[in-house]
Amino acid sequence: MTAPANAVEATPFKRCYFYVGNQCYDHWAPTRESCHNIGKYGTTDQLRACLALFGFGVTKKP
């Protein structure tokens, strides 16, 4: 059985606030680039996530 031609399907759109490669995130995600200078502009939780993954003194490029 097929849906009627006038049926409208709702397509949820995901707002992309952050990209890692080609992956879209609707929230911040810790990466080397996003952690660069996080102590200047990030939240406490973001700083903790970056320190846990990369340690102190994260540089933009390895």
N, C-alpha and C. Protein backbone atom coordinates (compact mmCIF):
# COMPACT_ATOMS: atom_id res chain seq x y z
N MET A 1 0.84 -1.18 0.00
CA MET A 1 0.00 0.00 0.00
C MET A 1 0.89 1.24 0.00
N THR A 2 0.56 2.18 -0.81
CA THR A 2 1.34 3.41 -0.89
C THR A 2 0.60 4.56 -0.24
N ALA A 3 1.35 5.57 0.16
CA ALA A 3 0.76 6.75 0.79
C ALA A 3 0.11 7.61 -0.28
N PRO A 4 -0.93 8.33 0.08
CA PRO A 4 -1.55 9.22 -0.89
C PRO A 4 -0.56 10.26 -1.39
N ALA A 5 -0.77 10.74 -2.60
CA ALA A 5 0.15 11.68 -3.22
C ALA A 5 0.21 13.01 -2.48
N ASN A 6 -0.83 13.35 -1.74
CA ASN A 6 -0.84 14.64 -1.06
C ASN A 6 -0.31 14.56 0.38
N ALA A 7 0.14 13.38 0.78
CA ALA A 7 0.68 13.24 2.14
C ALA A 7 2.01 13.98 2.25
N VAL A 8 2.19 14.68 3.34
CA VAL A 8 3.42 15.44 3.55
C VAL A 8 4.21 14.76 4.65
N GLU A 9 5.45 14.43 4.32
CA GLU A 9 6.32 13.84 5.32
C GLU A 9 7.16 14.93 5.94
N ALA A 10 7.20 14.94 7.24
CA ALA A 10 8.04 15.92 7.93
C ALA A 10 9.49 15.43 7.91
N THR A 11 10.37 16.27 7.41
CA THR A 11 11.78 15.94 7.37
C THR A 11 12.48 16.74 8.45
N PRO A 12 12.96 16.07 9.48
CA PRO A 12 13.64 16.82 10.55
C PRO A 12 14.98 17.34 10.04
N PHE A 13 15.26 18.58 10.34
CA PHE A 13 16.52 19.18 9.96
C PHE A 13 17.40 19.29 11.20
N LYS A 14 18.62 18.92 11.04
CA LYS A 14 19.58 18.99 12.13
C LYS A 14 20.43 20.23 11.91
N ARG A 15 20.40 21.14 12.85
CA ARG A 15 21.21 22.35 12.74
C ARG A 15 22.66 21.98 13.02
N CYS A 16 23.53 22.33 12.13
CA CYS A 16 24.95 22.01 12.28
C CYS A 16 25.68 23.18 12.90
N TYR A 17 26.00 23.02 14.17
CA TYR A 17 26.78 24.03 14.87
C TYR A 17 28.27 23.73 14.78
N PHE A 18 28.61 22.48 14.46
CA PHE A 18 30.00 22.06 14.51
C PHE A 18 30.21 20.90 13.55
N TYR A 19 31.32 20.91 12.82
CA TYR A 19 31.67 19.82 11.92
C TYR A 19 32.99 19.19 12.34
N VAL A 20 33.05 17.88 12.28
CA VAL A 20 34.30 17.14 12.41
C VAL A 20 34.39 16.32 11.14
N GLY A 21 35.31 16.70 10.27
CA GLY A 21 35.35 16.09 8.94
C GLY A 21 34.07 16.44 8.22
N ASN A 22 33.37 15.46 7.74
CA ASN A 22 32.07 15.68 7.09
C ASN A 22 30.90 15.40 8.02
N GLN A 23 31.18 15.10 9.28
CA GLN A 23 30.13 14.76 10.23
C GLN A 23 29.56 16.03 10.86
N CYS A 24 28.25 16.14 10.86
CA CYS A 24 27.55 17.30 11.40
C CYS A 24 27.15 17.03 12.85
N TYR A 25 27.42 17.98 13.72
CA TYR A 25 27.02 17.87 15.12
C TYR A 25 26.14 19.05 15.49
N ASP A 26 25.11 18.80 16.27
CA ASP A 26 24.25 19.88 16.73
C ASP A 26 24.73 20.40 18.09
N HIS A 27 25.93 20.00 18.47
CA HIS A 27 26.55 20.45 19.71
C HIS A 27 28.06 20.47 19.52
N TRP A 28 28.76 21.11 20.40
CA TRP A 28 30.21 21.18 20.34
C TRP A 28 30.81 19.80 20.60
N ALA A 29 31.88 19.48 19.89
CA ALA A 29 32.57 18.21 20.09
C ALA A 29 34.07 18.50 20.22
N PRO A 30 34.76 17.83 21.14
CA PRO A 30 36.19 18.11 21.33
C PRO A 30 37.05 17.50 20.24
N THR A 31 37.77 18.33 19.54
CA THR A 31 38.77 17.91 18.56
C THR A 31 40.00 18.78 18.78
N ARG A 32 41.09 18.47 18.11
CA ARG A 32 42.29 19.31 18.24
C ARG A 32 41.98 20.75 17.84
N GLU A 33 41.23 20.93 16.76
CA GLU A 33 40.92 22.29 16.31
C GLU A 33 39.97 23.01 17.25
N SER A 34 38.94 22.32 17.74
CA SER A 34 37.98 22.99 18.62
C SER A 34 38.57 23.25 20.01
N CYS A 35 39.59 22.48 20.40
CA CYS A 35 40.21 22.67 21.70
C CYS A 35 41.30 23.73 21.69
N HIS A 36 41.72 24.16 20.52
CA HIS A 36 42.76 25.18 20.43
C HIS A 36 42.26 26.47 21.08
N ASN A 37 42.98 26.95 22.09
CA ASN A 37 42.63 28.16 22.86
C ASN A 37 41.29 28.05 23.58
N ILE A 38 40.87 26.86 23.94
CA ILE A 38 39.58 26.67 24.59
C ILE A 38 39.53 27.38 25.95
N GLY A 39 40.69 27.56 26.57
CA GLY A 39 40.74 28.25 27.86
C GLY A 39 40.33 29.71 27.76
N LYS A 40 40.42 30.29 26.57
CA LYS A 40 40.06 31.70 26.38
C LYS A 40 38.57 31.90 26.14
N TYR A 41 37.93 30.97 25.45
CA TYR A 41 36.54 31.20 25.05
C TYR A 41 35.58 30.07 25.41
N GLY A 42 36.07 28.96 25.90
CA GLY A 42 35.21 27.81 26.15
C GLY A 42 34.60 27.80 27.55
N THR A 43 33.70 26.88 27.72
CA THR A 43 33.08 26.68 29.03
C THR A 43 33.96 25.76 29.87
N THR A 44 33.63 25.63 31.13
CA THR A 44 34.38 24.74 32.02
C THR A 44 34.29 23.30 31.55
N ASP A 45 33.11 22.87 31.12
CA ASP A 45 32.95 21.50 30.63
C ASP A 45 33.76 21.25 29.37
N GLN A 46 33.80 22.23 28.47
CA GLN A 46 34.59 22.09 27.25
C GLN A 46 36.08 22.00 27.58
N LEU A 47 36.52 22.82 28.51
CA LEU A 47 37.92 22.79 28.93
C LEU A 47 38.28 21.43 29.53
N ARG A 48 37.40 20.91 30.37
CA ARG A 48 37.64 19.58 30.97
C ARG A 48 37.73 18.50 29.91
N ALA A 49 36.84 18.54 28.92
CA ALA A 49 36.84 17.53 27.85
C ALA A 49 38.14 17.60 27.05
N CYS A 50 38.60 18.80 26.75
CA CYS A 50 39.83 18.96 25.99
C CYS A 50 41.04 18.48 26.80
N LEU A 51 41.08 18.83 28.07
CA LEU A 51 42.19 18.40 28.92
C LEU A 51 42.22 16.88 29.06
N ALA A 52 41.05 16.26 29.16
CA ALA A 52 40.98 14.81 29.29
C ALA A 52 41.48 14.10 28.02
N LEU A 53 41.18 14.67 26.87
CA LEU A 53 41.58 14.03 25.62
C LEU A 53 42.99 14.36 25.19
N PHE A 54 43.39 15.61 25.34
CA PHE A 54 44.65 16.05 24.74
C PHE A 54 45.67 16.57 25.73
N GLY A 55 45.28 16.75 26.99
CA GLY A 55 46.20 17.27 27.99
C GLY A 55 46.33 18.79 27.89
N PHE A 56 47.25 19.32 28.63
CA PHE A 56 47.45 20.77 28.69
C PHE A 56 48.29 21.23 27.50
N GLY A 57 47.96 22.40 26.96
CA GLY A 57 48.76 22.99 25.88
C GLY A 57 48.46 22.40 24.52
N VAL A 58 47.20 22.26 24.18
CA VAL A 58 46.80 21.71 22.90
C VAL A 58 47.23 22.65 21.78
N THR A 59 47.87 22.09 20.80
CA THR A 59 48.23 22.88 19.62
C THR A 59 47.27 22.55 18.50
N LYS A 60 47.13 23.47 17.57
CA LYS A 60 46.15 23.29 16.51
C LYS A 60 46.54 22.14 15.57
N LYS A 61 47.78 22.07 15.19
CA LYS A 61 48.24 21.01 14.29
C LYS A 61 49.24 20.13 15.01
N PRO A 62 49.13 18.80 14.84
CA PRO A 62 50.06 17.90 15.54
C PRO A 62 51.48 18.01 14.99
